[in-house]
Amino acid sequence: MNAALPPLLMDLQARLRPLVARLPMEPPAFLLAAALNRLLLPRLDAAARGPLSGRAVQVDVSDLGLSLKLQLGPRGFAPASREAAIALRIVAEAPSYWRLLRGSDDADRLFFERALVMEGDTEMGLVLKNTLDAIGPLWA
């Protein structure tokens, strides 16, 4: 849990997390896919798209209770089916994702701070990390 939040917000966050976790994840996964299609996809070269294509990535926002499955296909990012096998799972709290998105921290720093966890296909995780490092901040 994010210790930087005031106690009232921490309590609200703790109460909402189980509720959010029971909601369908397809709508927020669709929004994340749309954001990635706008911010990341135009900057992905063919060398990066190949290893990332057709494989499901699960993005968990642990403090909010969100668990979003995405897949890169020929038309861009889209929510992955519930049956899709997860090749890579990325777990962090929302502020850590924001730091990564803005470029105020890189994935290595977040990983060593234990603010970001990657599980699954190590090679795919390295391709994704190296691609994000090469692209730089997605949101300035």
N, C-alpha and C. Protein backbone atom coordinates (compact mmCIF):
# COMPACT_ATOMS: atom_id res chain seq x y z
N MET A 1 0.84 -1.17 0.00
CA MET A 1 0.00 0.00 0.00
C MET A 1 0.88 1.24 0.00
N ASN A 2 0.42 2.29 -0.60
CA ASN A 2 1.19 3.51 -0.76
C ASN A 2 1.18 4.31 0.53
N ALA A 3 2.33 4.37 1.22
CA ALA A 3 2.44 5.06 2.50
C ALA A 3 2.37 6.57 2.35
N ALA A 4 2.49 7.10 1.14
CA ALA A 4 2.45 8.54 0.92
C ALA A 4 1.03 9.09 0.97
N LEU A 5 0.03 8.23 0.93
CA LEU A 5 -1.35 8.69 0.97
C LEU A 5 -1.77 9.04 2.40
N PRO A 6 -2.63 10.03 2.55
CA PRO A 6 -3.17 10.33 3.87
C PRO A 6 -3.99 9.14 4.39
N PRO A 7 -4.09 8.98 5.70
CA PRO A 7 -4.80 7.82 6.27
C PRO A 7 -6.23 7.66 5.76
N LEU A 8 -6.94 8.76 5.56
CA LEU A 8 -8.32 8.67 5.08
C LEU A 8 -8.36 8.05 3.68
N LEU A 9 -7.46 8.48 2.80
CA LEU A 9 -7.42 7.92 1.45
C LEU A 9 -6.95 6.47 1.47
N MET A 10 -6.02 6.14 2.36
CA MET A 10 -5.57 4.75 2.47
C MET A 10 -6.72 3.85 2.89
N ASP A 11 -7.55 4.33 3.81
CA ASP A 11 -8.71 3.56 4.26
C ASP A 11 -9.71 3.39 3.12
N LEU A 12 -9.96 4.46 2.38
CA LEU A 12 -10.88 4.39 1.25
C LEU A 12 -10.34 3.43 0.18
N GLN A 13 -9.06 3.52 -0.08
CA GLN A 13 -8.42 2.64 -1.06
C GLN A 13 -8.56 1.18 -0.63
N ALA A 14 -8.33 0.91 0.64
CA ALA A 14 -8.43 -0.46 1.15
C ALA A 14 -9.86 -0.99 1.05
N ARG A 15 -10.85 -0.12 1.23
CA ARG A 15 -12.25 -0.55 1.14
C ARG A 15 -12.69 -0.76 -0.30
N LEU A 16 -12.16 0.06 -1.21
CA LEU A 16 -12.58 -0.02 -2.61
C LEU A 16 -11.89 -1.15 -3.37
N ARG A 17 -10.67 -1.51 -2.99
CA ARG A 17 -9.90 -2.52 -3.72
C ARG A 17 -10.67 -3.82 -3.91
N PRO A 18 -11.28 -4.42 -2.88
CA PRO A 18 -12.02 -5.68 -3.10
C PRO A 18 -13.22 -5.49 -4.02
N LEU A 19 -13.86 -4.34 -3.95
CA LEU A 19 -15.00 -4.07 -4.83
C LEU A 19 -14.54 -3.95 -6.28
N VAL A 20 -13.50 -3.18 -6.51
CA VAL A 20 -12.98 -3.00 -7.88
C VAL A 20 -12.51 -4.33 -8.44
N ALA A 21 -11.89 -5.15 -7.62
CA ALA A 21 -11.37 -6.45 -8.08
C ALA A 21 -12.49 -7.37 -8.57
N ARG A 22 -13.71 -7.16 -8.11
CA ARG A 22 -14.85 -8.00 -8.53
C ARG A 22 -15.53 -7.48 -9.80
N LEU A 23 -15.20 -6.28 -10.21
CA LEU A 23 -15.81 -5.70 -11.41
C LEU A 23 -15.19 -6.30 -12.67
N PRO A 24 -15.92 -6.24 -13.78
CA PRO A 24 -15.32 -6.71 -15.04
C PRO A 24 -14.11 -5.86 -15.41
N MET A 25 -13.05 -6.50 -15.84
CA MET A 25 -11.81 -5.79 -16.15
C MET A 25 -11.73 -5.39 -17.63
N GLU A 26 -12.68 -5.83 -18.44
CA GLU A 26 -12.61 -5.50 -19.87
C GLU A 26 -12.70 -4.00 -20.14
N PRO A 27 -13.61 -3.24 -19.51
CA PRO A 27 -13.65 -1.79 -19.80
C PRO A 27 -12.34 -1.07 -19.48
N PRO A 28 -11.73 -1.25 -18.29
CA PRO A 28 -10.46 -0.57 -18.08
C PRO A 28 -9.34 -1.13 -18.98
N ALA A 29 -9.40 -2.41 -19.34
CA ALA A 29 -8.40 -2.98 -20.25
C ALA A 29 -8.53 -2.33 -21.63
N PHE A 30 -9.75 -2.08 -22.06
CA PHE A 30 -9.98 -1.41 -23.34
C PHE A 30 -9.42 0.01 -23.29
N LEU A 31 -9.61 0.72 -22.18
CA LEU A 31 -9.08 2.08 -22.05
C LEU A 31 -7.55 2.07 -22.06
N LEU A 32 -6.94 1.11 -21.36
CA LEU A 32 -5.49 1.01 -21.36
C LEU A 32 -4.97 0.70 -22.76
N ALA A 33 -5.65 -0.21 -23.47
CA ALA A 33 -5.25 -0.55 -24.84
C ALA A 33 -5.34 0.68 -25.73
N ALA A 34 -6.40 1.46 -25.59
CA ALA A 34 -6.56 2.68 -26.40
C ALA A 34 -5.44 3.68 -26.11
N ALA A 35 -5.09 3.82 -24.83
CA ALA A 35 -4.00 4.73 -24.46
C ALA A 35 -2.67 4.25 -25.03
N LEU A 36 -2.41 2.95 -24.96
CA LEU A 36 -1.17 2.41 -25.51
C LEU A 36 -1.12 2.54 -27.03
N ASN A 37 -2.28 2.39 -27.67
CA ASN A 37 -2.33 2.56 -29.12
C ASN A 37 -2.00 4.00 -29.53
N ARG A 38 -2.35 4.92 -28.69
CA ARG A 38 -2.08 6.34 -28.99
C ARG A 38 -0.67 6.76 -28.59
N LEU A 39 -0.21 6.31 -27.42
CA LEU A 39 1.07 6.77 -26.89
C LEU A 39 2.27 5.88 -27.25
N LEU A 40 2.07 4.58 -27.29
CA LEU A 40 3.19 3.66 -27.47
C LEU A 40 3.27 3.08 -28.87
N LEU A 41 2.16 2.62 -29.42
CA LEU A 41 2.19 1.92 -30.70
C LEU A 41 2.89 2.69 -31.82
N PRO A 42 2.65 3.99 -31.99
CA PRO A 42 3.33 4.70 -33.08
C PRO A 42 4.86 4.74 -32.92
N ARG A 43 5.33 4.50 -31.71
CA ARG A 43 6.77 4.56 -31.43
C ARG A 43 7.43 3.19 -31.41
N LEU A 44 6.64 2.13 -31.58
CA LEU A 44 7.18 0.77 -31.58
C LEU A 44 7.64 0.40 -32.98
N ASP A 45 8.90 0.04 -33.12
CA ASP A 45 9.38 -0.40 -34.43
C ASP A 45 9.09 -1.88 -34.61
N ALA A 46 9.30 -2.38 -35.81
CA ALA A 46 9.01 -3.78 -36.14
C ALA A 46 9.81 -4.75 -35.28
N ALA A 47 11.03 -4.38 -34.94
CA ALA A 47 11.88 -5.26 -34.12
C ALA A 47 11.28 -5.46 -32.73
N ALA A 48 10.62 -4.46 -32.20
CA ALA A 48 10.00 -4.58 -30.88
C ALA A 48 8.63 -5.23 -30.97
N ARG A 49 7.90 -4.95 -32.04
CA ARG A 49 6.55 -5.51 -32.18
C ARG A 49 6.56 -7.03 -32.29
N GLY A 50 7.54 -7.56 -33.01
CA GLY A 50 7.58 -9.01 -33.23
C GLY A 50 7.52 -9.82 -31.95
N PRO A 51 8.46 -9.64 -31.01
CA PRO A 51 8.45 -10.46 -29.80
C PRO A 51 7.26 -10.18 -28.87
N LEU A 52 6.63 -9.03 -29.02
CA LEU A 52 5.51 -8.67 -28.14
C LEU A 52 4.16 -9.08 -28.72
N SER A 53 4.11 -9.34 -30.01
CA SER A 53 2.84 -9.62 -30.69
C SER A 53 2.28 -10.99 -30.34
N GLY A 54 0.95 -11.01 -30.22
CA GLY A 54 0.23 -12.26 -30.04
C GLY A 54 0.37 -12.90 -28.69
N ARG A 55 0.96 -12.21 -27.73
CA ARG A 55 1.17 -12.79 -26.40
C ARG A 55 0.51 -11.89 -25.37
N ALA A 56 -0.19 -12.51 -24.44
CA ALA A 56 -0.94 -11.75 -23.44
C ALA A 56 -0.02 -11.26 -22.32
N VAL A 57 -0.23 -10.01 -21.97
CA VAL A 57 0.47 -9.39 -20.84
C VAL A 57 -0.60 -8.97 -19.84
N GLN A 58 -0.38 -9.33 -18.59
CA GLN A 58 -1.31 -8.92 -17.53
C GLN A 58 -0.67 -7.77 -16.76
N VAL A 59 -1.37 -6.66 -16.70
CA VAL A 59 -0.91 -5.47 -15.97
C VAL A 59 -1.77 -5.36 -14.72
N ASP A 60 -1.15 -5.58 -13.56
CA ASP A 60 -1.86 -5.47 -12.29
C ASP A 60 -1.52 -4.15 -11.62
N VAL A 61 -2.56 -3.39 -11.30
CA VAL A 61 -2.40 -2.16 -10.53
C VAL A 61 -2.83 -2.55 -9.11
N SER A 62 -1.86 -2.96 -8.31
CA SER A 62 -2.15 -3.64 -7.05
C SER A 62 -2.91 -2.79 -6.05
N ASP A 63 -2.63 -1.50 -5.97
CA ASP A 63 -3.32 -0.67 -4.99
C ASP A 63 -4.76 -0.36 -5.38
N LEU A 64 -5.12 -0.54 -6.64
CA LEU A 64 -6.49 -0.27 -7.08
C LEU A 64 -7.30 -1.53 -7.31
N GLY A 65 -6.63 -2.69 -7.28
CA GLY A 65 -7.34 -3.95 -7.50
C GLY A 65 -7.63 -4.24 -8.96
N LEU A 66 -6.90 -3.58 -9.86
CA LEU A 66 -7.10 -3.80 -11.29
C LEU A 66 -6.16 -4.88 -11.79
N SER A 67 -6.68 -5.75 -12.66
CA SER A 67 -5.88 -6.79 -13.29
C SER A 67 -6.30 -6.83 -14.76
N LEU A 68 -5.47 -6.21 -15.62
CA LEU A 68 -5.84 -5.98 -17.01
C LEU A 68 -4.99 -6.85 -17.94
N LYS A 69 -5.65 -7.61 -18.81
CA LYS A 69 -4.94 -8.47 -19.77
C LYS A 69 -5.00 -7.82 -21.14
N LEU A 70 -3.81 -7.62 -21.72
CA LEU A 70 -3.70 -7.00 -23.04
C LEU A 70 -2.91 -7.88 -23.98
N GLN A 71 -3.12 -7.63 -25.26
CA GLN A 71 -2.39 -8.37 -26.27
C GLN A 71 -2.15 -7.43 -27.45
N LEU A 72 -0.94 -7.49 -28.01
CA LEU A 72 -0.61 -6.72 -29.20
C LEU A 72 -0.89 -7.57 -30.42
N GLY A 73 -1.75 -7.07 -31.30
CA GLY A 73 -2.09 -7.77 -32.52
C GLY A 73 -1.79 -6.91 -33.73
N PRO A 74 -2.20 -7.35 -34.90
CA PRO A 74 -1.91 -6.61 -36.13
C PRO A 74 -2.52 -5.21 -36.16
N ARG A 75 -3.61 -5.00 -35.42
CA ARG A 75 -4.27 -3.69 -35.39
C ARG A 75 -3.91 -2.87 -34.16
N GLY A 76 -2.99 -3.37 -33.36
CA GLY A 76 -2.59 -2.65 -32.17
C GLY A 76 -2.94 -3.40 -30.90
N PHE A 77 -2.92 -2.68 -29.80
CA PHE A 77 -3.22 -3.27 -28.51
C PHE A 77 -4.72 -3.45 -28.36
N ALA A 78 -5.11 -4.54 -27.69
CA ALA A 78 -6.51 -4.84 -27.43
C ALA A 78 -6.58 -5.68 -26.16
N PRO A 79 -7.73 -5.68 -25.50
CA PRO A 79 -7.88 -6.59 -24.35
C PRO A 79 -7.71 -8.03 -24.82
N ALA A 80 -7.00 -8.81 -24.04
CA ALA A 80 -6.82 -10.24 -24.35
C ALA A 80 -8.03 -11.00 -23.81
N SER A 81 -8.30 -12.13 -24.41
CA SER A 81 -9.41 -12.94 -23.95
C SER A 81 -9.10 -13.51 -22.56
N ARG A 82 -10.14 -13.87 -21.86
CA ARG A 82 -9.96 -14.45 -20.52
C ARG A 82 -9.18 -15.75 -20.59
N GLU A 83 -9.29 -16.47 -21.71
CA GLU A 83 -8.63 -17.76 -21.86
C GLU A 83 -7.17 -17.64 -22.28
N ALA A 84 -6.76 -16.46 -22.72
CA ALA A 84 -5.39 -16.28 -23.21
C ALA A 84 -4.38 -16.56 -22.10
N ALA A 85 -3.37 -17.36 -22.42
CA ALA A 85 -2.31 -17.65 -21.46
C ALA A 85 -1.47 -16.40 -21.27
N ILE A 86 -1.14 -16.11 -20.03
CA ILE A 86 -0.36 -14.91 -19.72
C ILE A 86 1.12 -15.21 -19.90
N ALA A 87 1.76 -14.48 -20.80
CA ALA A 87 3.19 -14.65 -21.03
C ALA A 87 4.00 -13.83 -20.04
N LEU A 88 3.48 -12.66 -19.66
CA LEU A 88 4.21 -11.75 -18.78
C LEU A 88 3.21 -11.05 -17.88
N ARG A 89 3.54 -10.99 -16.61
CA ARG A 89 2.70 -10.29 -15.63
C ARG A 89 3.53 -9.18 -15.02
N ILE A 90 2.96 -7.97 -15.03
CA ILE A 90 3.63 -6.80 -14.47
C ILE A 90 2.76 -6.28 -13.32
N VAL A 91 3.36 -6.11 -12.16
CA VAL A 91 2.62 -5.69 -10.98
C VAL A 91 3.29 -4.45 -10.37
N ALA A 92 2.49 -3.43 -10.11
CA ALA A 92 2.98 -2.23 -9.43
C ALA A 92 1.76 -1.46 -8.93
N GLU A 93 2.02 -0.50 -8.06
CA GLU A 93 0.96 0.41 -7.63
C GLU A 93 0.85 1.54 -8.65
N ALA A 94 -0.29 2.19 -8.69
CA ALA A 94 -0.55 3.25 -9.67
C ALA A 94 0.54 4.33 -9.69
N PRO A 95 1.02 4.82 -8.53
CA PRO A 95 2.06 5.85 -8.59
C PRO A 95 3.35 5.37 -9.27
N SER A 96 3.68 4.10 -9.15
CA SER A 96 4.87 3.56 -9.81
C SER A 96 4.69 3.55 -11.33
N TYR A 97 3.50 3.15 -11.79
CA TYR A 97 3.23 3.20 -13.23
C TYR A 97 3.31 4.65 -13.73
N TRP A 98 2.78 5.56 -12.95
CA TRP A 98 2.82 6.98 -13.33
C TRP A 98 4.27 7.47 -13.44
N ARG A 99 5.12 7.08 -12.49
CA ARG A 99 6.54 7.46 -12.54
C ARG A 99 7.21 6.90 -13.80
N LEU A 100 6.86 5.68 -14.16
CA LEU A 100 7.41 5.06 -15.36
C LEU A 100 6.90 5.78 -16.61
N LEU A 101 5.62 6.04 -16.66
CA LEU A 101 5.00 6.70 -17.80
C LEU A 101 5.58 8.09 -18.04
N ARG A 102 5.81 8.82 -16.97
CA ARG A 102 6.33 10.18 -17.08
C ARG A 102 7.83 10.23 -17.27
N GLY A 103 8.52 9.12 -17.06
CA GLY A 103 9.96 9.09 -17.22
C GLY A 103 10.72 9.60 -16.02
N SER A 104 10.03 9.81 -14.89
CA SER A 104 10.74 10.27 -13.69
C SER A 104 11.54 9.13 -13.06
N ASP A 105 11.20 7.89 -13.38
CA ASP A 105 11.98 6.72 -12.97
C ASP A 105 11.94 5.71 -14.11
N ASP A 106 12.99 4.90 -14.20
CA ASP A 106 12.98 3.85 -15.21
C ASP A 106 12.61 2.51 -14.56
N ALA A 107 12.36 1.53 -15.40
CA ALA A 107 11.92 0.22 -14.91
C ALA A 107 12.95 -0.43 -14.00
N ASP A 108 14.25 -0.24 -14.30
CA ASP A 108 15.28 -0.82 -13.44
C ASP A 108 15.20 -0.29 -12.02
N ARG A 109 15.08 1.00 -11.89
CA ARG A 109 15.00 1.60 -10.55
C ARG A 109 13.77 1.09 -9.81
N LEU A 110 12.63 1.09 -10.48
CA LEU A 110 11.40 0.60 -9.84
C LEU A 110 11.52 -0.86 -9.46
N PHE A 111 12.18 -1.65 -10.32
CA PHE A 111 12.38 -3.07 -10.03
C PHE A 111 13.25 -3.24 -8.78
N PHE A 112 14.36 -2.50 -8.71
CA PHE A 112 15.26 -2.65 -7.56
C PHE A 112 14.67 -2.06 -6.29
N GLU A 113 13.75 -1.13 -6.41
CA GLU A 113 13.02 -0.61 -5.25
C GLU A 113 11.89 -1.54 -4.83
N ARG A 114 11.68 -2.58 -5.62
CA ARG A 114 10.58 -3.53 -5.43
C ARG A 114 9.22 -2.87 -5.59
N ALA A 115 9.20 -1.79 -6.36
CA ALA A 115 7.95 -1.10 -6.67
C ALA A 115 7.33 -1.64 -7.95
N LEU A 116 8.10 -2.43 -8.70
CA LEU A 116 7.64 -3.03 -9.95
C LEU A 116 8.11 -4.48 -9.97
N VAL A 117 7.18 -5.37 -10.27
CA VAL A 117 7.49 -6.80 -10.33
C VAL A 117 7.10 -7.32 -11.71
N MET A 118 7.99 -8.07 -12.32
CA MET A 118 7.70 -8.74 -13.59
C MET A 118 7.85 -10.23 -13.37
N GLU A 119 6.85 -10.99 -13.83
CA GLU A 119 6.86 -12.44 -13.70
C GLU A 119 6.52 -13.06 -15.05
N GLY A 120 7.13 -14.18 -15.35
CA GLY A 120 6.80 -14.88 -16.57
C GLY A 120 7.98 -14.94 -17.51
N ASP A 121 7.73 -14.71 -18.79
CA ASP A 121 8.73 -14.82 -19.84
C ASP A 121 9.78 -13.72 -19.69
N THR A 122 10.95 -14.09 -19.21
CA THR A 122 12.02 -13.14 -18.94
C THR A 122 12.46 -12.42 -20.20
N GLU A 123 12.58 -13.15 -21.30
CA GLU A 123 13.01 -12.52 -22.56
C GLU A 123 12.01 -11.46 -23.00
N MET A 124 10.73 -11.77 -22.92
CA MET A 124 9.71 -10.80 -23.30
C MET A 124 9.76 -9.58 -22.38
N GLY A 125 9.96 -9.81 -21.09
CA GLY A 125 10.08 -8.71 -20.14
C GLY A 125 11.25 -7.80 -20.46
N LEU A 126 12.39 -8.40 -20.85
CA LEU A 126 13.56 -7.60 -21.22
C LEU A 126 13.34 -6.82 -22.51
N VAL A 127 12.67 -7.43 -23.48
CA VAL A 127 12.36 -6.71 -24.72
C VAL A 127 11.47 -5.52 -24.41
N LEU A 128 10.46 -5.73 -23.59
CA LEU A 128 9.55 -4.64 -23.22
C LEU A 128 10.29 -3.54 -22.47
N LYS A 129 11.10 -3.92 -21.49
CA LYS A 129 11.85 -2.94 -20.71
C LYS A 129 12.82 -2.16 -21.59
N ASN A 130 13.58 -2.86 -22.42
CA ASN A 130 14.54 -2.19 -23.29
C ASN A 130 13.86 -1.28 -24.30
N THR A 131 12.69 -1.71 -24.79
CA THR A 131 11.93 -0.88 -25.72
C THR A 131 11.47 0.40 -25.04
N LEU A 132 10.93 0.26 -23.84
CA LEU A 132 10.48 1.46 -23.11
C LEU A 132 11.65 2.38 -22.78
N ASP A 133 12.79 1.80 -22.42
CA ASP A 133 13.98 2.62 -22.14
C ASP A 133 14.40 3.39 -23.39
N ALA A 134 14.37 2.73 -24.56
CA ALA A 134 14.80 3.37 -25.80
C ALA A 134 13.84 4.46 -26.24
N ILE A 135 12.55 4.25 -25.99
CA ILE A 135 11.54 5.23 -26.40
C ILE A 135 11.57 6.46 -25.51
N GLY A 136 11.79 6.26 -24.23
CA GLY A 136 11.74 7.37 -23.28
C GLY A 136 10.33 7.56 -22.75
N PRO A 137 10.10 8.67 -22.06
CA PRO A 137 8.80 8.90 -21.43
C PRO A 137 7.66 8.90 -22.46
N LEU A 138 6.55 8.25 -22.10
CA LEU A 138 5.40 8.25 -22.98
C LEU A 138 4.53 9.47 -22.73
N TRP A 139 4.66 10.04 -21.57
CA TRP A 139 3.84 11.18 -21.18
C TRP A 139 4.71 12.17 -20.46
N ALA A 140 4.89 13.33 -21.03
CA ALA A 140 5.78 14.32 -20.40
C ALA A 140 5.01 15.40 -19.69
